[in-house]
N, C-alpha and C. Protein backbone atom coordinates (compact mmCIF):
# COMPACT_ATOMS: atom_id res chain seq x y z
N UNK A 1 54.29 110.72 -87.52
CA UNK A 1 55.01 110.14 -88.91
C UNK A 1 54.80 111.17 -89.86
N UNK A 2 55.41 112.12 -91.15
CA UNK A 2 55.20 112.43 -91.81
C UNK A 2 56.15 112.02 -93.33
N UNK A 3 55.89 111.17 -93.60
CA UNK A 3 56.09 110.07 -95.22
C UNK A 3 55.65 111.50 -96.09
N UNK A 4 56.98 111.51 -97.00
CA UNK A 4 56.79 112.74 -98.04
C UNK A 4 56.96 111.60 -99.28
N UNK A 5 56.34 112.61 -100.41
CA UNK A 5 56.48 111.36 -101.56
C UNK A 5 57.71 111.70 -102.02
N UNK A 6 58.54 110.31 -102.68
CA UNK A 6 59.80 110.64 -102.63
C UNK A 6 59.50 110.97 -104.34
N UNK A 7 60.53 112.19 -104.77
CA UNK A 7 60.62 112.74 -106.07
C UNK A 7 61.29 111.59 -106.98
N UNK A 8 61.03 111.15 -108.15
CA UNK A 8 61.21 110.45 -109.20
C UNK A 8 61.98 111.29 -110.16
N UNK A 9 63.03 110.47 -111.05
CA UNK A 9 63.67 111.06 -112.39
C UNK A 9 62.95 111.33 -113.24
N UNK A 10 63.44 112.80 -113.25
CA UNK A 10 62.47 113.48 -114.28
C UNK A 10 61.39 114.54 -113.70
N UNK A 11 61.65 114.50 -112.29
CA UNK A 11 60.87 115.80 -111.88
C UNK A 11 62.23 116.88 -111.88
N UNK A 12 61.78 117.67 -112.10
CA UNK A 12 62.83 119.45 -112.27
C UNK A 12 63.43 119.35 -110.87
N UNK A 13 62.80 119.49 -109.76
CA UNK A 13 63.64 119.76 -108.30
C UNK A 13 65.03 118.75 -108.09
N UNK A 14 64.81 117.57 -108.80
CA UNK A 14 66.21 116.82 -108.93
C UNK A 14 67.36 116.98 -109.49
N UNK A 15 66.91 118.18 -110.63
CA UNK A 15 68.02 118.74 -111.02
C UNK A 15 68.30 120.02 -110.81
N UNK A 16 67.47 120.81 -110.29
CA UNK A 16 68.31 121.70 -109.77
C UNK A 16 69.38 121.85 -108.84
N UNK A 17 70.01 123.19 -108.61
CA UNK A 17 71.13 123.15 -107.48
C UNK A 17 70.62 123.66 -106.28
N UNK A 18 70.89 122.90 -105.39
CA UNK A 18 69.50 123.25 -103.89
C UNK A 18 70.22 124.86 -103.40
N UNK A 19 69.82 125.41 -102.37
CA UNK A 19 70.05 126.28 -102.09
C UNK A 19 70.57 126.28 -100.40
N UNK A 20 71.61 126.91 -100.09
CA UNK A 20 72.63 126.98 -99.00
C UNK A 20 71.39 126.98 -97.61
N UNK A 21 71.48 126.51 -96.40
CA UNK A 21 70.85 127.04 -95.65
C UNK A 21 71.92 128.14 -94.46
N UNK A 22 71.22 128.96 -93.76
CA UNK A 22 71.86 129.86 -93.13
C UNK A 22 71.88 129.52 -92.08
N UNK A 23 72.69 129.83 -90.88
CA UNK A 23 73.01 129.03 -89.69
C UNK A 23 71.60 129.67 -88.87
N UNK A 24 71.05 130.49 -88.52
CA UNK A 24 69.49 130.59 -88.64
C UNK A 24 68.11 129.69 -88.79
N UNK A 25 68.52 129.63 -89.94
CA UNK A 25 67.95 128.60 -90.95
C UNK A 25 67.43 126.96 -90.37
N UNK A 26 68.88 126.49 -90.22
CA UNK A 26 69.09 125.28 -89.45
C UNK A 26 68.35 124.67 -87.98
N UNK A 27 68.49 125.85 -87.13
CA UNK A 27 68.23 126.36 -86.09
C UNK A 27 66.45 126.02 -85.79
N UNK A 28 65.81 126.68 -87.00
CA UNK A 28 64.39 126.86 -87.22
C UNK A 28 64.00 125.45 -86.77
N UNK A 29 62.23 125.95 -86.25
CA UNK A 29 61.59 124.99 -86.28
C UNK A 29 61.28 124.10 -87.85
N UNK A 30 60.81 124.99 -88.53
CA UNK A 30 60.59 124.73 -90.21
C UNK A 30 61.68 124.01 -90.66
N UNK A 31 62.96 123.73 -90.37
CA UNK A 31 63.66 122.84 -90.19
C UNK A 31 63.87 121.47 -89.72
N UNK A 32 63.59 121.40 -88.72
CA UNK A 32 63.80 120.50 -87.40
C UNK A 32 62.58 119.85 -88.24
N UNK A 33 60.57 120.67 -88.76
CA UNK A 33 60.14 119.50 -89.06
C UNK A 33 60.42 118.92 -90.46
N UNK A 34 61.09 119.66 -91.45
CA UNK A 34 62.00 119.27 -92.45
C UNK A 34 62.61 118.10 -92.43
N UNK A 35 63.41 118.25 -91.05
CA UNK A 35 64.41 116.83 -90.91
C UNK A 35 63.61 115.49 -90.83
N UNK A 36 62.98 115.60 -89.77
CA UNK A 36 61.64 114.64 -89.46
C UNK A 36 61.23 114.37 -91.16
N UNK A 37 60.50 114.99 -91.49
CA UNK A 37 59.81 114.42 -92.78
C UNK A 37 60.96 113.52 -93.62
N UNK A 38 62.46 114.11 -93.62
CA UNK A 38 63.01 113.47 -94.75
C UNK A 38 63.52 112.38 -93.48
N UNK A 39 63.91 112.23 -92.79
CA UNK A 39 63.76 110.78 -91.91
C UNK A 39 62.88 109.60 -92.06
N UNK A 40 62.06 109.91 -92.03
CA UNK A 40 60.42 109.14 -91.87
C UNK A 40 60.58 109.10 -93.06
N UNK A 41 60.08 109.04 -94.18
CA UNK A 41 60.80 109.34 -95.59
C UNK A 41 61.53 108.17 -96.18
N UNK A 42 62.12 108.22 -95.22
CA UNK A 42 63.76 107.75 -95.96
C UNK A 42 63.60 106.26 -95.21
N UNK A 43 63.29 106.03 -94.18
CA UNK A 43 62.70 105.12 -93.29
C UNK A 43 61.92 104.66 -93.92
N UNK A 44 60.58 105.00 -94.33
CA UNK A 44 59.28 104.12 -94.76
C UNK A 44 59.80 103.78 -96.15
N UNK A 45 61.06 104.15 -96.66
CA UNK A 45 61.27 104.13 -98.23
C UNK A 45 62.46 102.57 -98.33
N UNK A 46 63.24 102.80 -96.95
CA UNK A 46 63.93 101.53 -96.99
C UNK A 46 65.32 102.15 -97.32
N UNK A 47 65.63 103.57 -97.26
CA UNK A 47 67.20 103.68 -97.61
C UNK A 47 68.13 103.75 -96.34
N UNK A 48 69.07 104.05 -96.98
CA UNK A 48 70.53 104.43 -96.11
C UNK A 48 71.03 105.85 -96.20
N UNK A 49 70.15 106.94 -97.07
CA UNK A 49 70.26 108.01 -97.29
C UNK A 49 69.34 109.08 -97.93
N UNK A 50 69.02 110.04 -97.85
CA UNK A 50 67.89 110.93 -98.19
C UNK A 50 68.37 112.35 -98.44
N UNK A 51 68.15 113.20 -99.38
CA UNK A 51 68.42 114.76 -99.90
C UNK A 51 67.62 115.55 -99.40
N UNK A 52 67.22 116.25 -99.45
CA UNK A 52 66.16 117.05 -99.45
C UNK A 52 65.44 117.22 -100.47
N UNK A 53 66.17 117.40 -101.72
CA UNK A 53 65.37 117.71 -103.45
C UNK A 53 64.63 116.37 -103.27
N UNK A 54 64.87 115.30 -102.54
CA UNK A 54 64.11 113.90 -102.87
C UNK A 54 63.08 113.70 -102.58
N UNK A 55 62.36 114.89 -101.62
CA UNK A 55 60.98 115.29 -101.42
C UNK A 55 60.67 116.55 -101.60
N UNK A 56 61.05 117.11 -102.75
CA UNK A 56 61.13 118.00 -103.70
C UNK A 56 61.04 119.69 -102.40
N UNK A 57 62.18 119.51 -101.73
CA UNK A 57 62.86 120.80 -101.39
C UNK A 57 64.18 120.78 -101.68
N UNK A 58 64.27 122.16 -102.47
CA UNK A 58 65.63 122.39 -102.80
C UNK A 58 66.68 123.11 -102.13
N UNK A 59 66.99 122.20 -100.73
CA UNK A 59 67.82 122.84 -99.62
C UNK A 59 68.70 122.02 -99.97
N UNK A 60 70.44 122.45 -99.21
CA UNK A 60 71.54 121.77 -98.88
C UNK A 60 71.25 121.23 -97.60
N UNK A 61 70.58 120.10 -97.84
CA UNK A 61 70.84 119.02 -96.67
C UNK A 61 70.12 117.39 -96.95
N UNK A 62 71.44 116.44 -96.21
CA UNK A 62 70.86 115.35 -96.60
C UNK A 62 71.27 114.37 -95.48
N UNK A 63 70.24 113.74 -95.05
CA UNK A 63 70.67 112.42 -93.82
C UNK A 63 71.37 111.24 -94.57
N UNK A 64 72.45 110.51 -94.06
CA UNK A 64 73.11 109.55 -93.68
C UNK A 64 72.71 108.55 -92.66
N UNK A 65 72.16 107.11 -93.02
CA UNK A 65 72.00 106.16 -91.97
C UNK A 65 72.51 105.03 -92.48
N UNK A 66 73.58 104.81 -91.94
CA UNK A 66 73.83 102.97 -92.62
C UNK A 66 74.15 102.26 -91.60
N UNK A 67 72.66 101.61 -91.18
CA UNK A 67 72.47 100.67 -89.93
C UNK A 67 73.25 99.67 -90.07
N UNK A 68 73.52 98.51 -89.00
CA UNK A 68 74.27 97.85 -88.67
C UNK A 68 74.23 96.45 -89.77
N UNK A 69 72.86 96.11 -89.91
CA UNK A 69 72.13 95.27 -91.13
C UNK A 69 72.07 95.97 -91.70
N UNK A 70 72.30 96.87 -92.29
CA UNK A 70 72.69 97.04 -93.82
C UNK A 70 72.52 96.07 -94.95
N UNK A 71 72.04 96.22 -96.16
CA UNK A 71 72.25 94.97 -97.26
C UNK A 71 73.37 95.11 -98.06
N UNK A 72 74.47 96.18 -97.86
CA UNK A 72 75.08 96.27 -98.41
C UNK A 72 76.60 95.77 -97.44
N UNK A 73 77.09 94.44 -98.45
CA UNK A 73 78.44 93.74 -97.90
C UNK A 73 79.31 94.58 -97.12
N UNK A 74 79.84 95.63 -97.83
CA UNK A 74 81.11 96.63 -97.58
C UNK A 74 80.61 97.78 -96.38
N UNK A 75 79.62 97.51 -96.08
CA UNK A 75 78.95 99.22 -95.19
C UNK A 75 79.15 98.67 -94.07
N UNK A 76 80.35 99.59 -93.50
CA UNK A 76 80.22 100.05 -91.95
C UNK A 76 79.23 100.80 -91.36
N UNK A 77 78.70 100.64 -90.46
CA UNK A 77 77.11 101.48 -89.65
C UNK A 77 77.60 102.84 -89.45
N UNK A 78 77.02 104.14 -90.04
CA UNK A 78 77.52 105.46 -90.27
C UNK A 78 77.18 106.13 -88.70
N UNK A 79 75.95 105.42 -88.46
CA UNK A 79 75.01 106.20 -87.19
C UNK A 79 74.65 107.37 -87.97
N UNK A 80 73.19 108.10 -87.56
CA UNK A 80 72.80 109.21 -88.56
C UNK A 80 73.27 110.15 -88.17
N UNK A 81 73.35 110.83 -89.13
CA UNK A 81 74.54 112.28 -89.52
C UNK A 81 72.83 112.92 -90.71
N UNK A 82 73.25 114.30 -89.73
CA UNK A 82 72.87 115.32 -90.69
C UNK A 82 73.38 116.46 -91.04
N UNK A 83 73.33 116.43 -92.03
CA UNK A 83 74.54 116.82 -92.90
C UNK A 83 73.89 118.11 -93.84
N UNK A 84 74.17 119.87 -93.27
CA UNK A 84 73.69 120.90 -94.00
C UNK A 84 74.94 121.06 -94.67
N UNK A 85 75.49 121.79 -95.57
CA UNK A 85 75.63 122.84 -97.02
C UNK A 85 77.05 121.85 -96.97
N UNK A 86 77.20 120.98 -97.64
CA UNK A 86 78.82 120.30 -97.32
C UNK A 86 79.40 120.32 -98.47
N UNK A 87 80.73 120.09 -98.16
CA UNK A 87 81.77 120.80 -99.09
C UNK A 87 82.30 119.23 -99.08
N UNK A 88 83.08 118.96 -100.20
CA UNK A 88 83.87 117.66 -100.20
C UNK A 88 85.24 117.83 -101.27
N UNK A 89 85.95 117.30 -100.05
CA UNK A 89 87.54 117.17 -100.77
C UNK A 89 87.65 116.01 -101.09
N UNK A 90 88.72 115.83 -102.26
CA UNK A 90 88.46 114.50 -102.73
C UNK A 90 90.46 114.07 -102.26
N UNK A 91 90.34 113.21 -101.42
CA UNK A 91 91.63 113.11 -100.99
C UNK A 91 92.71 111.70 -101.58
N UNK A 92 92.29 111.02 -102.41
CA UNK A 92 92.83 110.23 -103.38
C UNK A 92 91.75 109.79 -104.81
N UNK A 93 93.10 109.19 -105.64
CA UNK A 93 92.07 109.29 -106.94
C UNK A 93 91.90 108.01 -107.54
N UNK A 94 92.23 107.33 -106.20
CA UNK A 94 91.68 105.50 -106.26
C UNK A 94 90.09 105.87 -106.07
N UNK A 95 89.55 104.90 -107.39
CA UNK A 95 88.38 104.85 -106.93
C UNK A 95 87.94 103.18 -106.97
N UNK A 96 86.96 103.09 -105.92
CA UNK A 96 85.93 102.33 -105.73
C UNK A 96 84.99 102.14 -106.39
N UNK A 97 84.28 100.78 -107.15
CA UNK A 97 83.26 100.71 -107.59
C UNK A 97 81.72 100.08 -106.98
N UNK A 98 80.92 100.58 -107.02
CA UNK A 98 79.55 99.92 -106.64
C UNK A 98 78.76 99.62 -107.09
N UNK A 99 77.45 99.17 -106.87
CA UNK A 99 76.10 98.96 -107.75
C UNK A 99 75.21 99.75 -106.87
N UNK A 100 75.11 100.96 -107.41
CA UNK A 100 74.15 102.03 -106.69
C UNK A 100 72.88 101.79 -106.70
N UNK A 101 72.30 102.14 -106.13
CA UNK A 101 70.62 102.45 -106.28
C UNK A 101 70.01 103.42 -105.94
N UNK A 102 68.64 103.94 -105.80
CA UNK A 102 68.65 105.27 -105.27
C UNK A 102 67.00 105.33 -105.11
N UNK A 103 66.54 106.07 -104.16
CA UNK A 103 64.77 106.18 -104.01
C UNK A 103 64.59 106.59 -105.08
N UNK A 104 65.05 107.63 -105.75
CA UNK A 104 64.67 108.54 -106.53
C UNK A 104 64.60 108.16 -107.83
N UNK A 105 65.26 106.77 -108.17
CA UNK A 105 65.70 106.06 -109.84
C UNK A 105 65.05 104.73 -108.78
N UNK A 106 64.10 104.46 -108.71
CA UNK A 106 63.19 102.90 -108.24
C UNK A 106 63.20 101.79 -109.37
N UNK A 107 63.94 100.54 -108.96
CA UNK A 107 64.11 99.58 -109.58
C UNK A 107 65.11 99.31 -110.56
N UNK A 108 66.05 99.88 -110.30
CA UNK A 108 67.38 100.15 -111.12
C UNK A 108 68.78 100.13 -110.24
N UNK A 109 69.77 99.54 -110.68
CA UNK A 109 71.00 99.76 -110.14
C UNK A 109 71.70 100.12 -110.76
N UNK A 110 72.87 101.24 -111.11
CA UNK A 110 73.88 101.49 -112.16
C UNK A 110 75.04 100.72 -110.98
N UNK A 111 76.67 101.06 -111.88
CA UNK A 111 77.64 100.64 -111.25
C UNK A 111 78.42 102.11 -111.44
N UNK A 112 78.79 102.19 -110.32
CA UNK A 112 79.41 103.63 -110.71
C UNK A 112 80.52 103.60 -109.53
N UNK A 113 81.87 104.06 -110.35
CA UNK A 113 83.05 104.02 -109.67
C UNK A 113 83.21 105.90 -108.97
N UNK A 114 83.49 105.87 -107.93
CA UNK A 114 83.78 107.19 -107.15
C UNK A 114 85.14 106.87 -106.22
N UNK A 115 85.73 108.07 -106.23
CA UNK A 115 86.71 108.28 -104.90
C UNK A 115 86.50 107.15 -103.52
N UNK A 116 87.54 107.09 -103.26
CA UNK A 116 86.97 105.83 -102.12
C UNK A 116 87.77 106.68 -100.58
N UNK A 117 88.53 108.12 -100.80
CA UNK A 117 88.53 108.21 -99.42
C UNK A 117 88.30 109.71 -99.83
N UNK A 118 87.29 110.84 -99.17
CA UNK A 118 87.40 111.86 -99.30
C UNK A 118 86.89 112.56 -97.95
N UNK A 119 87.30 114.16 -97.68
CA UNK A 119 86.94 115.07 -96.61
C UNK A 119 85.60 115.69 -96.78
N UNK A 120 84.59 115.43 -95.78
CA UNK A 120 83.16 116.78 -95.93
C UNK A 120 83.15 117.65 -94.87
N UNK A 121 83.51 118.79 -95.09
CA UNK A 121 82.99 120.08 -93.82
C UNK A 121 81.83 120.38 -94.55
N UNK A 122 80.80 119.98 -93.19
CA UNK A 122 79.54 120.79 -93.38
C UNK A 122 79.28 121.22 -91.98
N UNK A 123 78.16 121.69 -91.89
CA UNK A 123 77.25 122.04 -90.66
C UNK A 123 76.20 120.82 -90.32
N UNK A 124 76.42 120.42 -88.62
CA UNK A 124 75.47 119.45 -88.22
C UNK A 124 74.21 120.22 -87.92
N UNK A 125 73.25 119.55 -87.33
CA UNK A 125 71.53 119.93 -86.77
C UNK A 125 71.86 121.34 -85.83
N UNK A 126 72.92 121.50 -85.29
CA UNK A 126 73.18 122.55 -83.88
C UNK A 126 73.95 123.92 -84.95
N UNK A 127 73.73 123.98 -86.26
CA UNK A 127 75.10 124.62 -86.99
C UNK A 127 76.51 124.68 -86.60
N UNK A 128 76.73 123.75 -86.09
CA UNK A 128 77.97 123.87 -85.66
C UNK A 128 78.96 123.01 -87.15
N UNK A 129 80.22 123.63 -87.29
CA UNK A 129 81.06 123.02 -88.12
C UNK A 129 81.54 121.67 -87.55
N UNK A 130 81.65 120.57 -89.06
CA UNK A 130 82.15 119.36 -88.27
C UNK A 130 82.90 118.86 -89.76
N UNK A 131 83.78 118.10 -89.89
CA UNK A 131 85.08 117.89 -90.71
C UNK A 131 84.97 116.41 -90.71
N UNK A 132 85.04 115.28 -91.56
CA UNK A 132 84.74 114.20 -91.03
C UNK A 132 85.06 113.13 -92.76
N UNK A 133 86.27 112.64 -92.38
CA UNK A 133 86.82 111.60 -93.30
C UNK A 133 85.79 110.51 -93.74
N UNK A 134 85.76 109.89 -94.99
CA UNK A 134 85.09 108.88 -95.13
C UNK A 134 85.94 107.93 -96.13
N UNK A 135 85.68 106.31 -95.89
CA UNK A 135 85.88 106.19 -96.71
C UNK A 135 85.79 104.74 -97.51
N UNK A 136 85.69 104.18 -98.74
CA UNK A 136 85.06 102.80 -99.15
C UNK A 136 83.34 103.39 -99.03
N UNK A 137 82.76 102.17 -98.65
CA UNK A 137 81.48 102.31 -99.06
C UNK A 137 80.95 103.73 -98.61
N UNK A 138 81.20 104.09 -97.65
CA UNK A 138 80.66 105.27 -96.59
C UNK A 138 81.01 106.67 -97.73
N UNK A 139 82.26 106.94 -98.20
CA UNK A 139 82.88 107.56 -99.05
C UNK A 139 82.02 107.70 -100.42
N UNK A 140 81.28 106.66 -101.24
CA UNK A 140 80.33 106.70 -101.97
C UNK A 140 78.88 106.97 -101.97
N UNK A 141 78.63 106.96 -100.36
CA UNK A 141 76.91 107.07 -99.70
C UNK A 141 77.36 108.56 -99.87
N UNK A 142 78.29 109.24 -98.99
CA UNK A 142 78.19 110.70 -99.20
C UNK A 142 78.42 111.27 -100.61
N UNK A 143 79.28 110.76 -101.29
CA UNK A 143 79.20 111.25 -102.81
C UNK A 143 77.83 111.13 -103.28
N UNK A 144 76.92 110.00 -103.22
CA UNK A 144 75.79 109.85 -103.85
C UNK A 144 74.62 110.73 -103.57
N UNK A 145 74.89 111.07 -102.19
CA UNK A 145 73.64 112.16 -101.54
C UNK A 145 73.97 113.15 -101.78
N UNK A 146 75.20 113.69 -101.75
CA UNK A 146 75.53 114.96 -101.97
C UNK A 146 75.19 115.49 -103.34
N UNK A 147 75.74 114.73 -104.38
CA UNK A 147 75.42 114.72 -105.58
C UNK A 147 73.57 114.92 -105.87
N UNK A 148 73.11 114.84 -104.84
CA UNK A 148 71.34 115.33 -105.10
C UNK A 148 71.47 116.81 -105.11
N UNK A 149 72.09 117.43 -104.08
CA UNK A 149 72.28 118.75 -103.70
C UNK A 149 72.49 119.84 -104.73
N UNK A 150 73.35 119.11 -106.21
CA UNK A 150 73.98 119.90 -107.30
C UNK A 150 73.22 119.50 -108.34
N UNK A 151 71.92 118.99 -108.33
CA UNK A 151 71.32 118.34 -109.19
C UNK A 151 71.69 117.00 -110.11
N UNK A 152 72.36 116.44 -109.32
CA UNK A 152 72.99 114.95 -110.11
C UNK A 152 72.05 114.03 -109.52
N UNK A 153 72.44 112.88 -110.66
CA UNK A 153 71.59 111.75 -110.10
C UNK A 153 72.79 110.71 -110.49
N UNK A 154 72.77 109.35 -109.64
CA UNK A 154 73.84 108.41 -109.86
C UNK A 154 73.92 107.85 -110.86
N UNK A 155 72.80 107.73 -111.83
CA UNK A 155 72.73 107.17 -113.30
C UNK A 155 73.95 108.14 -114.21
N UNK A 156 73.69 109.58 -113.99
CA UNK A 156 74.49 110.53 -114.29
C UNK A 156 76.15 109.79 -114.39
N UNK A 157 76.61 109.14 -113.50
CA UNK A 157 77.85 108.75 -113.42
C UNK A 157 78.31 107.30 -113.60
N UNK A 158 76.85 106.92 -114.15
CA UNK A 158 77.40 105.38 -114.72
C UNK A 158 78.23 105.32 -116.12
N UNK A 159 79.30 105.17 -116.49
CA UNK A 159 80.17 104.94 -117.32
C UNK A 159 80.11 103.87 -118.53
N UNK A 160 79.14 102.90 -118.38
CA UNK A 160 78.91 102.14 -119.34
C UNK A 160 77.42 101.65 -118.95
N UNK A 161 76.50 101.94 -119.79
CA UNK A 161 75.23 101.85 -119.99
C UNK A 161 74.98 100.75 -119.76
N UNK A 162 75.64 99.79 -120.18
CA UNK A 162 75.23 97.99 -120.07
C UNK A 162 75.41 97.88 -118.34
N UNK A 163 76.04 98.93 -117.94
CA UNK A 163 76.31 98.69 -116.72
C UNK A 163 74.77 99.24 -115.49
N UNK A 164 73.77 99.68 -116.11
CA UNK A 164 72.52 100.33 -115.54
C UNK A 164 71.46 99.22 -116.01
N UNK A 165 71.02 98.63 -114.79
CA UNK A 165 70.49 97.15 -114.84
C UNK A 165 69.04 97.52 -114.11
N UNK A 166 67.80 96.68 -114.42
CA UNK A 166 66.77 96.21 -113.54
C UNK A 166 67.01 95.62 -112.26
N UNK A 167 67.15 96.06 -110.78
CA UNK A 167 67.77 95.41 -109.52
C UNK A 167 67.58 94.05 -110.04
N UNK A 168 66.50 93.19 -110.51
CA UNK A 168 65.98 91.94 -110.38
C UNK A 168 66.80 91.02 -111.44
N UNK A 169 67.79 91.88 -112.07
CA UNK A 169 68.64 91.33 -113.50
C UNK A 169 69.96 91.17 -112.66
N UNK A 170 70.08 91.79 -111.57
CA UNK A 170 71.84 91.70 -111.27
C UNK A 170 72.32 90.43 -110.26
């Protein structure tokens, strides 16, 4: 198990637009190690998703794993998904709001509204193209994690600063 330090808000790597992977890079031993490090770090921190920039690697890959026993009441389990070079298509203008948290913004929660139905096209860990539709809470998780690959944090999407609070005040 190789748990990496989670980069927190203020670290410049979190504000970079990450680089795409080539198919050859996806299949490399170096990337397998990166995925292991990301997964170990996510589990150790109690997260349901992690993006490579959160452990200091400015590359477009994220892992999403919403477990059955998630603390989020609207969550449907996703199973572990490894997502390289994702592209999002918004399938509705309807938005749902959730109190989001982030491993890179410890101790805070922010109320963020996002489109509640999306289609994501990405490459999986075998460098195969996958198209996946996500709704409701899972759509929010995808958007949150993919934002990390474009230098954004959920706090950038909080519309009312009064809805950015410490967890214990929720």
